[in-house]
């Protein structure tokens, strides 16, 4: 599998479409804890999802974990 550097939102969405990965995009204001998320976001039949963003010591190296 070829390694691809995605640097912005448009590139991420384009990659998902090119890989035929189905997704539904929800846009919302930032939330900082699970209680605030539960109060602000009303997602239809969606499981609870948490994301974590890690940065490496190398410049411009980031990892996003979705659980």
C-alpha atoms as a PDB file:
ATOM      1  CA  UNK A   1       0.000   0.000   0.000  1.00  0.00           C
ATOM      2  CA  UNK A   2       1.351   3.382  -0.971  1.00  0.00           C
ATOM      3  CA  UNK A   3       1.928   5.858   1.857  1.00  0.00           C
ATOM      4  CA  UNK A   4       0.018   9.091   1.298  1.00  0.00           C
ATOM      5  CA  UNK A   5       0.446  12.349   3.156  1.00  0.00           C
ATOM      6  CA  UNK A   6      -2.894  14.063   3.706  1.00  0.00           C
ATOM      7  CA  UNK A   7      -2.392  17.659   4.762  1.00  0.00           C
ATOM      8  CA  UNK A   8      -5.884  19.120   4.790  1.00  0.00           C
ATOM      9  CA  UNK A   9      -9.578  18.347   4.968  1.00  0.00           C
ATOM     10  CA  UNK A  10     -10.124  18.346   1.202  1.00  0.00           C
ATOM     11  CA  UNK A  11      -7.329  15.814   0.644  1.00  0.00           C
ATOM     12  CA  UNK A  12      -8.770  13.534   3.348  1.00  0.00           C
ATOM     13  CA  UNK A  13     -12.259  13.637   1.836  1.00  0.00           C
ATOM     14  CA  UNK A  14     -10.854  13.057  -1.656  1.00  0.00           C
ATOM     15  CA  UNK A  15      -8.857  10.029  -0.423  1.00  0.00           C
ATOM     16  CA  UNK A  16     -11.935   8.515   1.243  1.00  0.00           C
ATOM     17  CA  UNK A  17     -13.921   8.905  -1.979  1.00  0.00           C
ATOM     18  CA  UNK A  18     -11.131   7.509  -4.180  1.00  0.00           C
ATOM     19  CA  UNK A  19     -10.831   4.475  -1.897  1.00  0.00           C
ATOM     20  CA  UNK A  20     -14.639   4.029  -2.014  1.00  0.00           C
ATOM     21  CA  UNK A  21     -14.868   4.265   1.776  1.00  0.00           C
ATOM     22  CA  UNK A  22     -18.414   5.233   2.757  1.00  0.00           C
ATOM     23  CA  UNK A  23     -18.683   7.998   5.340  1.00  0.00           C
ATOM     24  CA  UNK A  24     -21.072  10.614   6.638  1.00  0.00           C
ATOM     25  CA  UNK A  25     -19.613  13.989   7.544  1.00  0.00           C
ATOM     26  CA  UNK A  26     -20.904  15.777  10.649  1.00  0.00           C
ATOM     27  CA  UNK A  27     -19.734  19.337  11.267  1.00  0.00           C
ATOM     28  CA  UNK A  28     -19.965  20.907  14.721  1.00  0.00           C
ATOM     29  CA  UNK A  29     -18.358  23.350  17.102  1.00  0.00           C
ATOM     30  CA  UNK A  30     -15.445  22.011  19.105  1.00  0.00           C
ATOM     31  CA  UNK A  31     -16.301  20.003  22.213  1.00  0.00           C
ATOM     32  CA  UNK A  32     -13.791  19.250  24.941  1.00  0.00           C
ATOM     33  CA  UNK A  33     -15.317  16.390  26.922  1.00  0.00           C
ATOM     34  CA  UNK A  34     -17.842  13.609  26.516  1.00  0.00           C
ATOM     35  CA  UNK A  35     -20.589  15.345  28.538  1.00  0.00           C
ATOM     36  CA  UNK A  36     -20.370  18.479  26.375  1.00  0.00           C
ATOM     37  CA  UNK A  37     -20.414  16.309  23.249  1.00  0.00           C
ATOM     38  CA  UNK A  38     -23.523  14.485  24.411  1.00  0.00           C
ATOM     39  CA  UNK A  39     -25.301  17.800  25.066  1.00  0.00           C
ATOM     40  CA  UNK A  40     -24.277  19.523  21.801  1.00  0.00           C
ATOM     41  CA  UNK A  41     -24.352  16.723  19.239  1.00  0.00           C
ATOM     42  CA  UNK A  42     -27.443  14.797  18.329  1.00  0.00           C
ATOM     43  CA  UNK A  43     -26.175  12.083  16.001  1.00  0.00           C
ATOM     44  CA  UNK A  44     -28.641   9.728  14.391  1.00  0.00           C
ATOM     45  CA  UNK A  45     -28.018   6.106  15.357  1.00  0.00           C
ATOM     46  CA  UNK A  46     -24.276   6.711  15.700  1.00  0.00           C
ATOM     47  CA  UNK A  47     -22.040   4.942  18.170  1.00  0.00           C
ATOM     48  CA  UNK A  48     -19.989   6.962  20.615  1.00  0.00           C
ATOM     49  CA  UNK A  49     -16.668   7.852  18.980  1.00  0.00           C
ATOM     50  CA  UNK A  50     -13.599   9.435  20.534  1.00  0.00           C
ATOM     51  CA  UNK A  51     -10.638  10.815  18.617  1.00  0.00           C
ATOM     52  CA  UNK A  52      -7.105  11.404  19.834  1.00  0.00           C
ATOM     53  CA  UNK A  53      -4.419  13.342  17.976  1.00  0.00           C
ATOM     54  CA  UNK A  54      -0.787  12.480  18.668  1.00  0.00           C
ATOM     55  CA  UNK A  55       2.278  14.354  17.404  1.00  0.00           C
ATOM     56  CA  UNK A  56       5.685  12.787  16.928  1.00  0.00           C
ATOM     57  CA  UNK A  57       9.020  14.524  17.525  1.00  0.00           C
ATOM     58  CA  UNK A  58       9.557  14.532  13.760  1.00  0.00           C
ATOM     59  CA  UNK A  59       8.264  17.687  12.077  1.00  0.00           C
ATOM     60  CA  UNK A  60       4.776  17.400  10.585  1.00  0.00           C
ATOM     61  CA  UNK A  61       4.222  13.837  11.847  1.00  0.00           C
ATOM     62  CA  UNK A  62       0.793  13.343  13.385  1.00  0.00           C
ATOM     63  CA  UNK A  63      -1.392  10.333  14.111  1.00  0.00           C
ATOM     64  CA  UNK A  64      -5.152  10.390  14.596  1.00  0.00           C
ATOM     65  CA  UNK A  65      -6.735   7.525  16.507  1.00  0.00           C
ATOM     66  CA  UNK A  66     -10.494   6.982  16.323  1.00  0.00           C
ATOM     67  CA  UNK A  67     -12.124   4.679  18.872  1.00  0.00           C
END
